[in-house]
Amino acid sequence: MTRDHISPRRRNRLLVVSVAALTLGATALVDPPALAAGLPRGHDVSSHQKHVNWKKAKARGARFVYIKATESYTYRNPYFTKQYNGSHGAGLLRGAYHFARPDQSSGKKQAAYFVRHGGAWSADGRTLPPALDIEYNPYSKKHRCYGLSRAGMVHWIRSFSNEVQRLTGRRPVIYTTTHWWNRCTGGSRAFAADHALWLAHHNPAGAGRLPAGWSFWTFWQYDNSGSLPGDQNLFNGSLAQLRKFARGY
């Protein structure tokens, strides 16, 4: 995702896998999107996309979308409300994500800000759980892990997650890359059991290696452009399983 300022294996049968309180369809898929027949397509957007034609996106195959709500503890996507409500009106499942800035404040503080400004959740079957976008620092090549130690980063993510769960009843989906996760958390396995993975790996040839701890991805961002506005994504399951995931069971 971007900041706002500034030989394929045969698919296994989809299984229902319990991840703490979550239920979702998942396997260790590594197929290219073209061969992942039947998987729900989706996308994610931010203020870069501004005024999205949601009916057109749905006609092109979109079934879900994640929308950037906040960054750090001061920034709000000025288009969020229109994007969030517009996608819902077009019949898409939609959720909000927060761009993490661990160098700016605590995870708890940013989680509270996020939930107050779009990151809430309801078990209506149309609202995806909140998501945490945590990746290399786009503002500093020197402090790619935001100046935190690996233990400090794990603590920051846990603090964010705990506050989101306290305020919404759901653990956040974690959006990240394998390289960032293994470098900046030291390959922590502390989150895989109760956090769904949203893998960022821009290679339509396959999802590749997963971050430490996870044996499958729930969402896969496989490209940063395509037929849908913003980044291109897949859900690892059926549409019915996606709705169950949204409801939280």
C-alpha atoms as a PDB file:
ATOM      1  CA  MET A   1       0.000   0.000   0.000  1.00  0.00           C
ATOM      2  CA  THR A   2       1.054   3.596  -0.304  1.00  0.00           C
ATOM      3  CA  ARG A   3       1.106   6.451   2.121  1.00  0.00           C
ATOM      4  CA  ASP A   4      -1.466   9.191   1.486  1.00  0.00           C
ATOM      5  CA  HIS A   5       0.717  12.168   1.942  1.00  0.00           C
ATOM      6  CA  ILE A   6       3.099  12.185  -0.361  1.00  0.00           C
ATOM      7  CA  SER A   7       5.017 -23.790 -11.728  1.00  0.00           C
ATOM      8  CA  PRO A   8       1.819 -23.460 -10.044  1.00  0.00           C
ATOM      9  CA  ARG A   9       0.641 -26.012  -7.509  1.00  0.00           C
ATOM     10  CA  ARG A  10      -2.822 -27.462  -7.731  1.00  0.00           C
ATOM     11  CA  ARG A  11      -5.149 -25.935  -5.198  1.00  0.00           C
ATOM     12  CA  ASN A  12      -6.062 -28.123  -2.274  1.00  0.00           C
ATOM     13  CA  ARG A  13      -9.648 -28.396  -1.189  1.00  0.00           C
ATOM     14  CA  LEU A  14     -10.599 -25.345   0.868  1.00  0.00           C
ATOM     15  CA  LEU A  15     -10.792 -26.157   4.542  1.00  0.00           C
ATOM     16  CA  VAL A  16     -12.524 -24.370   7.364  1.00  0.00           C
ATOM     17  CA  VAL A  17      -9.721 -23.446   9.745  1.00  0.00           C
ATOM     18  CA  SER A  18     -10.284 -22.027  13.193  1.00  0.00           C
ATOM     19  CA  VAL A  19      -8.085 -19.052  14.053  1.00  0.00           C
ATOM     20  CA  ALA A  20      -9.049 -18.266  17.640  1.00  0.00           C
ATOM     21  CA  ALA A  21     -12.499 -16.662  17.354  1.00  0.00           C
ATOM     22  CA  LEU A  22     -12.264 -16.404  13.579  1.00  0.00           C
ATOM     23  CA  THR A  23     -13.516 -18.895  11.062  1.00  0.00           C
ATOM     24  CA  LEU A  24     -12.318 -18.672   7.505  1.00  0.00           C
ATOM     25  CA  GLY A  25     -11.685 -20.850   4.529  1.00  0.00           C
ATOM     26  CA  ALA A  26      -7.998 -21.261   3.956  1.00  0.00           C
ATOM     27  CA  THR A  27      -5.192 -23.331   2.536  1.00  0.00           C
ATOM     28  CA  ALA A  28      -1.557 -22.598   1.874  1.00  0.00           C
ATOM     29  CA  LEU A  29      -2.406 -21.304  -1.592  1.00  0.00           C
ATOM     30  CA  VAL A  30       0.425 -20.311  -3.867  1.00  0.00           C
ATOM     31  CA  ASP A  31      -1.474 -20.312  -7.163  1.00  0.00           C
ATOM     32  CA  PRO A  32      -1.393 -17.349  -9.520  1.00  0.00           C
ATOM     33  CA  PRO A  33      -4.653 -15.392  -9.471  1.00  0.00           C
ATOM     34  CA  ALA A  34      -5.483 -16.562 -12.996  1.00  0.00           C
ATOM     35  CA  LEU A  35      -5.566 -20.146 -11.767  1.00  0.00           C
ATOM     36  CA  ALA A  36      -7.244 -19.489  -8.422  1.00  0.00           C
ATOM     37  CA  ALA A  37     -10.653 -20.011  -9.963  1.00  0.00           C
ATOM     38  CA  GLY A  38     -13.595 -18.951  -7.862  1.00  0.00           C
ATOM     39  CA  LEU A  39     -11.753 -16.961  -5.220  1.00  0.00           C
ATOM     40  CA  PRO A  40     -13.463 -13.647  -4.416  1.00  0.00           C
ATOM     41  CA  ARG A  41     -11.631 -10.665  -5.893  1.00  0.00           C
ATOM     42  CA  GLY A  42     -11.216  -7.408  -4.075  1.00  0.00           C
ATOM     43  CA  HIS A  43      -9.110  -4.289  -3.834  1.00  0.00           C
ATOM     44  CA  ASP A  44      -7.871  -1.669  -1.398  1.00  0.00           C
ATOM     45  CA  VAL A  45      -7.966   2.086  -1.799  1.00  0.00           C
ATOM     46  CA  SER A  46      -6.860   5.266  -0.053  1.00  0.00           C
ATOM     47  CA  SER A  47      -7.138   8.969  -0.747  1.00  0.00           C
ATOM     48  CA  HIS A  48      -5.140   8.387  -3.936  1.00  0.00           C
ATOM     49  CA  GLN A  49      -8.237   6.881  -5.542  1.00  0.00           C
ATOM     50  CA  LYS A  50     -10.485   9.730  -4.333  1.00  0.00           C
ATOM     51  CA  HIS A  51     -13.891   9.285  -6.006  1.00  0.00           C
ATOM     52  CA  VAL A  52     -14.331   5.595  -6.796  1.00  0.00           C
ATOM     53  CA  ASN A  53     -17.042   4.321  -9.142  1.00  0.00           C
ATOM     54  CA  TRP A  54     -18.161   1.472  -6.909  1.00  0.00           C
ATOM     55  CA  LYS A  55     -20.851   0.102  -9.207  1.00  0.00           C
ATOM     56  CA  LYS A  56     -18.277  -0.180 -11.972  1.00  0.00           C
ATOM     57  CA  ALA A  57     -15.811  -1.880  -9.623  1.00  0.00           C
ATOM     58  CA  LYS A  58     -18.440  -4.426  -8.644  1.00  0.00           C
ATOM     59  CA  ALA A  59     -19.339  -5.022 -12.293  1.00  0.00           C
ATOM     60  CA  ARG A  60     -15.659  -5.760 -12.917  1.00  0.00           C
ATOM     61  CA  GLY A  61     -15.657  -8.445 -10.237  1.00  0.00           C
ATOM     62  CA  ALA A  62     -14.977  -6.706  -6.915  1.00  0.00           C
ATOM     63  CA  ARG A  63     -16.603  -8.414  -3.952  1.00  0.00           C
ATOM     64  CA  PHE A  64     -14.742  -6.703  -1.118  1.00  0.00           C
ATOM     65  CA  VAL A  65     -12.586  -3.675  -0.430  1.00  0.00           C
ATOM     66  CA  TYR A  66     -10.359  -2.362   2.344  1.00  0.00           C
ATOM     67  CA  ILE A  67     -10.228   1.416   2.693  1.00  0.00           C
ATOM     68  CA  LYS A  68      -7.531   3.431   4.412  1.00  0.00           C
ATOM     69  CA  ALA A  69      -9.013   5.285   7.365  1.00  0.00           C
ATOM     70  CA  THR A  70      -6.063   6.625   9.347  1.00  0.00           C
ATOM     71  CA  GLU A  71      -2.304   6.907   9.739  1.00  0.00           C
ATOM     72  CA  SER A  72      -0.363   7.457  12.956  1.00  0.00           C
ATOM     73  CA  TYR A  73      -2.602   9.321  15.415  1.00  0.00           C
ATOM     74  CA  THR A  74      -3.282  12.513  13.453  1.00  0.00           C
ATOM     75  CA  TYR A  75      -4.073  11.682   9.823  1.00  0.00           C
ATOM     76  CA  ARG A  76      -7.533  10.806   8.486  1.00  0.00           C
ATOM     77  CA  ASN A  77      -8.300   9.910   4.879  1.00  0.00           C
ATOM     78  CA  PRO A  78     -10.507  12.834   3.772  1.00  0.00           C
ATOM     79  CA  TYR A  79     -12.354  10.553   1.329  1.00  0.00           C
ATOM     80  CA  PHE A  80     -12.897   7.725   3.796  1.00  0.00           C
ATOM     81  CA  THR A  81     -16.546   8.282   4.671  1.00  0.00           C
ATOM     82  CA  LYS A  82     -17.596   8.635   1.044  1.00  0.00           C
ATOM     83  CA  GLN A  83     -15.531   5.606   0.018  1.00  0.00           C
ATOM     84  CA  TYR A  84     -16.725   3.485   2.942  1.00  0.00           C
ATOM     85  CA  ASN A  85     -20.402   4.296   2.489  1.00  0.00           C
ATOM     86  CA  GLY A  86     -20.212   4.163  -1.299  1.00  0.00           C
ATOM     87  CA  SER A  87     -18.718   0.685  -1.350  1.00  0.00           C
ATOM     88  CA  HIS A  88     -21.366  -0.519   1.089  1.00  0.00           C
ATOM     89  CA  GLY A  89     -24.104   0.994  -1.058  1.00  0.00           C
ATOM     90  CA  ALA A  90     -22.803  -0.879  -4.094  1.00  0.00           C
ATOM     91  CA  GLY A  91     -23.038  -4.181  -2.220  1.00  0.00           C
ATOM     92  CA  LEU A  92     -19.361  -4.793  -1.472  1.00  0.00           C
ATOM     93  CA  LEU A  93     -18.092  -6.116   1.824  1.00  0.00           C
ATOM     94  CA  ARG A  94     -15.854  -3.375   3.171  1.00  0.00           C
ATOM     95  CA  GLY A  95     -13.410  -2.799   5.966  1.00  0.00           C
ATOM     96  CA  ALA A  96     -11.038  -0.119   7.209  1.00  0.00           C
ATOM     97  CA  TYR A  97      -7.277  -0.211   7.620  1.00  0.00           C
ATOM     98  CA  HIS A  98      -4.752   1.807   9.582  1.00  0.00           C
ATOM     99  CA  PHE A  99      -1.261   2.648   8.322  1.00  0.00           C
ATOM    100  CA  ALA A 100       1.043   2.074  11.284  1.00  0.00           C
ATOM    101  CA  ARG A 101       3.640   4.614  12.382  1.00  0.00           C
ATOM    102  CA  PRO A 102       5.352   2.940  15.340  1.00  0.00           C
ATOM    103  CA  ASP A 103       7.827   5.823  15.503  1.00  0.00           C
ATOM    104  CA  GLN A 104       5.071   8.334  16.273  1.00  0.00           C
ATOM    105  CA  SER A 105       3.183   6.933  19.267  1.00  0.00           C
ATOM    106  CA  SER A 106       2.206   3.737  21.053  1.00  0.00           C
ATOM    107  CA  GLY A 107       0.205   0.993  19.408  1.00  0.00           C
ATOM    108  CA  LYS A 108      -2.588   1.539  21.908  1.00  0.00           C
ATOM    109  CA  LYS A 109      -2.873   5.230  21.075  1.00  0.00           C
ATOM    110  CA  GLN A 110      -2.963   4.614  17.331  1.00  0.00           C
ATOM    111  CA  ALA A 111      -5.514   1.822  17.713  1.00  0.00           C
ATOM    112  CA  ALA A 112      -7.838   4.091  19.666  1.00  0.00           C
ATOM    113  CA  TYR A 113      -7.492   6.823  17.049  1.00  0.00           C
ATOM    114  CA  PHE A 114      -8.178   4.316  14.273  1.00  0.00           C
ATOM    115  CA  VAL A 115     -11.314   2.912  15.877  1.00  0.00           C
ATOM    116  CA  ARG A 116     -12.672   6.409  16.556  1.00  0.00           C
ATOM    117  CA  HIS A 117     -12.176   7.401  12.931  1.00  0.00           C
ATOM    118  CA  GLY A 118     -13.467   4.489  10.891  1.00  0.00           C
ATOM    119  CA  GLY A 119     -11.933   1.330  12.324  1.00  0.00           C
ATOM    120  CA  ALA A 120     -15.007   0.116  14.159  1.00  0.00           C
ATOM    121  CA  TRP A 121     -16.595  -3.242  13.350  1.00  0.00           C
ATOM    122  CA  SER A 122     -20.070  -4.774  13.476  1.00  0.00           C
ATOM    123  CA  ALA A 123     -21.204  -8.360  12.953  1.00  0.00           C
ATOM    124  CA  ASP A 124     -23.542  -7.449  10.092  1.00  0.00           C
ATOM    125  CA  GLY A 125     -21.888  -9.753   7.574  1.00  0.00           C
ATOM    126  CA  ARG A 126     -20.906  -6.762   5.436  1.00  0.00           C
ATOM    127  CA  THR A 127     -18.135  -5.283   7.585  1.00  0.00           C
ATOM    128  CA  LEU A 128     -14.663  -6.818   7.444  1.00  0.00           C
ATOM    129  CA  PRO A 129     -12.559  -6.773  10.613  1.00  0.00           C
ATOM    130  CA  PRO A 130     -10.188  -3.838  11.142  1.00  0.00           C
ATOM    131  CA  ALA A 131      -6.783  -4.201   9.518  1.00  0.00           C
ATOM    132  CA  LEU A 132      -3.300  -3.060  10.506  1.00  0.00           C
ATOM    133  CA  ASP A 133      -0.997  -2.106   7.629  1.00  0.00           C
ATOM    134  CA  ILE A 134       2.548  -2.530   8.955  1.00  0.00           C
ATOM    135  CA  GLU A 135       5.433  -2.394   6.497  1.00  0.00           C
ATOM    136  CA  TYR A 136       8.708  -0.651   5.770  1.00  0.00           C
ATOM    137  CA  ASN A 137       8.852   2.986   6.805  1.00  0.00           C
ATOM    138  CA  PRO A 138       8.174   4.992   3.613  1.00  0.00           C
ATOM    139  CA  TYR A 139       9.500   8.179   5.201  1.00  0.00           C
ATOM    140  CA  SER A 140      12.984   6.993   6.180  1.00  0.00           C
ATOM    141  CA  LYS A 141      15.349   4.549   4.508  1.00  0.00           C
ATOM    142  CA  LYS A 142      17.564   4.708   7.574  1.00  0.00           C
ATOM    143  CA  HIS A 143      14.827   3.672  10.022  1.00  0.00           C
ATOM    144  CA  ARG A 144      12.992   1.065   7.976  1.00  0.00           C
ATOM    145  CA  CYS A 145      11.767  -0.621  11.163  1.00  0.00           C
ATOM    146  CA  TYR A 146      10.805   2.743  12.677  1.00  0.00           C
ATOM    147  CA  GLY A 147      13.721   2.719  15.094  1.00  0.00           C
ATOM    148  CA  LEU A 148      12.268  -0.104  17.186  1.00  0.00           C
ATOM    149  CA  SER A 149      14.041  -3.262  18.236  1.00  0.00           C
ATOM    150  CA  ARG A 150      12.461  -6.541  17.198  1.00  0.00           C
ATOM    151  CA  ALA A 151      11.072  -7.055  20.692  1.00  0.00           C
ATOM    152  CA  GLY A 152       9.852  -3.466  20.687  1.00  0.00           C
ATOM    153  CA  MET A 153       8.043  -3.991  17.402  1.00  0.00           C
ATOM    154  CA  VAL A 154       6.334  -7.133  18.652  1.00  0.00           C
ATOM    155  CA  HIS A 155       5.230  -5.209  21.740  1.00  0.00           C
ATOM    156  CA  TRP A 156       3.904  -2.351  19.568  1.00  0.00           C
ATOM    157  CA  ILE A 157       1.838  -4.680  17.384  1.00  0.00           C
ATOM    158  CA  ARG A 158       0.490  -6.514  20.424  1.00  0.00           C
ATOM    159  CA  SER A 159      -0.470  -3.212  22.042  1.00  0.00           C
ATOM    160  CA  PHE A 160      -2.322  -2.134  18.898  1.00  0.00           C
ATOM    161  CA  SER A 161      -4.058  -5.495  18.584  1.00  0.00           C
ATOM    162  CA  ASN A 162      -5.129  -5.634  22.217  1.00  0.00           C
ATOM    163  CA  GLU A 163      -6.710  -2.193  22.035  1.00  0.00           C
ATOM    164  CA  VAL A 164      -8.516  -2.941  18.778  1.00  0.00           C
ATOM    165  CA  GLN A 165      -9.893  -6.129  20.286  1.00  0.00           C
ATOM    166  CA  ARG A 166     -10.955  -4.331  23.449  1.00  0.00           C
ATOM    167  CA  LEU A 167     -12.788  -1.646  21.480  1.00  0.00           C
ATOM    168  CA  THR A 168     -14.280  -3.724  18.664  1.00  0.00           C
ATOM    169  CA  GLY A 169     -14.299  -7.351  19.764  1.00  0.00           C
ATOM    170  CA  ARG A 170     -12.073  -8.410  16.849  1.00  0.00           C
ATOM    171  CA  ARG A 171      -8.359  -8.913  16.424  1.00  0.00           C
ATOM    172  CA  PRO A 172      -7.053  -6.914  13.463  1.00  0.00           C
ATOM    173  CA  VAL A 173      -6.048  -8.509  10.217  1.00  0.00           C
ATOM    174  CA  ILE A 174      -2.311  -7.963   9.752  1.00  0.00           C
ATOM    175  CA  TYR A 175      -1.152  -6.650   6.371  1.00  0.00           C
ATOM    176  CA  THR A 176       2.573  -7.070   5.836  1.00  0.00           C
ATOM    177  CA  THR A 177       5.317  -8.486   3.646  1.00  0.00           C
ATOM    178  CA  THR A 178       7.332 -11.568   4.518  1.00  0.00           C
ATOM    179  CA  HIS A 179      10.598  -9.646   4.256  1.00  0.00           C
ATOM    180  CA  TRP A 180       9.482  -6.859   6.598  1.00  0.00           C
ATOM    181  CA  TRP A 181       7.977  -9.239   9.135  1.00  0.00           C
ATOM    182  CA  ASN A 182      10.997 -11.458   9.393  1.00  0.00           C
ATOM    183  CA  ARG A 183      13.401  -8.525   9.534  1.00  0.00           C
ATOM    184  CA  CYS A 184      11.541  -6.151  11.859  1.00  0.00           C
ATOM    185  CA  THR A 185       9.870  -8.635  14.239  1.00  0.00           C
ATOM    186  CA  GLY A 186      12.625 -11.231  14.041  1.00  0.00           C
ATOM    187  CA  GLY A 187      10.187 -13.704  12.538  1.00  0.00           C
ATOM    188  CA  SER A 188       7.784 -13.558  15.481  1.00  0.00           C
ATOM    189  CA  ARG A 189       5.237 -16.367  15.617  1.00  0.00           C
ATOM    190  CA  ALA A 190       3.211 -14.647  18.324  1.00  0.00           C
ATOM    191  CA  PHE A 191       0.350 -13.499  16.079  1.00  0.00           C
ATOM    192  CA  ALA A 192      -0.368 -16.282  13.612  1.00  0.00           C
ATOM    193  CA  ALA A 193      -2.709 -18.208  15.914  1.00  0.00           C
ATOM    194  CA  ASP A 194      -5.241 -15.397  16.308  1.00  0.00           C
ATOM    195  CA  HIS A 195      -4.595 -12.886  13.519  1.00  0.00           C
ATOM    196  CA  ALA A 196      -5.566 -13.338   9.886  1.00  0.00           C
ATOM    197  CA  LEU A 197      -2.755 -12.619   7.424  1.00  0.00           C
ATOM    198  CA  TRP A 198      -3.114 -10.150   4.576  1.00  0.00           C
ATOM    199  CA  LEU A 199      -0.016 -10.878   2.549  1.00  0.00           C
ATOM    200  CA  ALA A 200       1.510  -8.234   0.308  1.00  0.00           C
ATOM    201  CA  HIS A 201       3.456  -9.935  -2.468  1.00  0.00           C
ATOM    202  CA  HIS A 202       3.248  -8.279  -5.865  1.00  0.00           C
ATOM    203  CA  ASN A 203       3.889 -11.232  -8.101  1.00  0.00           C
ATOM    204  CA  PRO A 204       0.938 -12.765  -9.965  1.00  0.00           C
ATOM    205  CA  ALA A 205       3.062 -15.899 -10.450  1.00  0.00           C
ATOM    206  CA  GLY A 206       2.480 -16.875  -6.820  1.00  0.00           C
ATOM    207  CA  ALA A 207       2.152 -15.748  -3.225  1.00  0.00           C
ATOM    208  CA  GLY A 208       5.593 -17.036  -2.289  1.00  0.00           C
ATOM    209  CA  ARG A 209       6.934 -17.647   1.202  1.00  0.00           C
ATOM    210  CA  LEU A 210       4.751 -16.566   4.118  1.00  0.00           C
ATOM    211  CA  PRO A 211       5.843 -14.644   7.220  1.00  0.00           C
ATOM    212  CA  ALA A 212       6.972 -16.773  10.145  1.00  0.00           C
ATOM    213  CA  GLY A 213       4.150 -18.530  11.957  1.00  0.00           C
ATOM    214  CA  TRP A 214       1.466 -18.404   9.271  1.00  0.00           C
ATOM    215  CA  SER A 215       0.692 -21.485   7.178  1.00  0.00           C
ATOM    216  CA  PHE A 216      -1.795 -19.731   4.886  1.00  0.00           C
ATOM    217  CA  TRP A 217      -2.890 -16.282   3.818  1.00  0.00           C
ATOM    218  CA  THR A 218      -6.430 -14.985   4.254  1.00  0.00           C
ATOM    219  CA  PHE A 219      -6.018 -12.070   1.842  1.00  0.00           C
ATOM    220  CA  TRP A 220      -3.332 -11.739  -0.814  1.00  0.00           C
ATOM    221  CA  GLN A 221      -2.471  -8.384  -2.376  1.00  0.00           C
ATOM    222  CA  TYR A 222      -0.929  -9.652  -5.576  1.00  0.00           C
ATOM    223  CA  ASP A 223      -0.570  -6.440  -7.579  1.00  0.00           C
ATOM    224  CA  ASN A 224      -0.685  -2.678  -7.127  1.00  0.00           C
ATOM    225  CA  SER A 225      -2.721  -2.067 -10.276  1.00  0.00           C
ATOM    226  CA  GLY A 226      -5.262  -3.871 -12.407  1.00  0.00           C
ATOM    227  CA  SER A 227      -8.899  -3.813 -13.436  1.00  0.00           C
ATOM    228  CA  LEU A 228     -10.062  -2.613 -10.012  1.00  0.00           C
ATOM    229  CA  PRO A 229      -9.222   0.767  -8.453  1.00  0.00           C
ATOM    230  CA  GLY A 230      -6.128   0.625  -6.239  1.00  0.00           C
ATOM    231  CA  ASP A 231      -4.338  -2.590  -5.267  1.00  0.00           C
ATOM    232  CA  GLN A 232      -5.585  -6.010  -6.379  1.00  0.00           C
ATOM    233  CA  ASN A 233      -6.488  -8.693  -3.821  1.00  0.00           C
ATOM    234  CA  LEU A 234      -7.909 -12.172  -3.398  1.00  0.00           C
ATOM    235  CA  PHE A 235      -9.661 -13.834  -0.464  1.00  0.00           C
ATOM    236  CA  ASN A 236      -8.597 -17.389   0.333  1.00  0.00           C
ATOM    237  CA  GLY A 237     -12.004 -19.041   0.386  1.00  0.00           C
ATOM    238  CA  SER A 238     -15.484 -18.865  -1.065  1.00  0.00           C
ATOM    239  CA  LEU A 239     -17.775 -15.842  -0.998  1.00  0.00           C
ATOM    240  CA  ALA A 240     -19.859 -17.578   1.667  1.00  0.00           C
ATOM    241  CA  GLN A 241     -16.728 -18.049   3.776  1.00  0.00           C
ATOM    242  CA  LEU A 242     -15.829 -14.396   3.263  1.00  0.00           C
ATOM    243  CA  ARG A 243     -19.215 -13.413   4.675  1.00  0.00           C
ATOM    244  CA  LYS A 244     -18.674 -15.739   7.630  1.00  0.00           C
ATOM    245  CA  PHE A 245     -15.263 -14.177   8.186  1.00  0.00           C
ATOM    246  CA  ALA A 246     -16.884 -10.739   8.176  1.00  0.00           C
ATOM    247  CA  ARG A 247     -19.421 -11.846  10.796  1.00  0.00           C
ATOM    248  CA  GLY A 248     -16.680 -13.273  12.980  1.00  0.00           C
ATOM    249  CA  TYR A 249     -17.635 -16.954  12.976  1.00  0.00           C
END
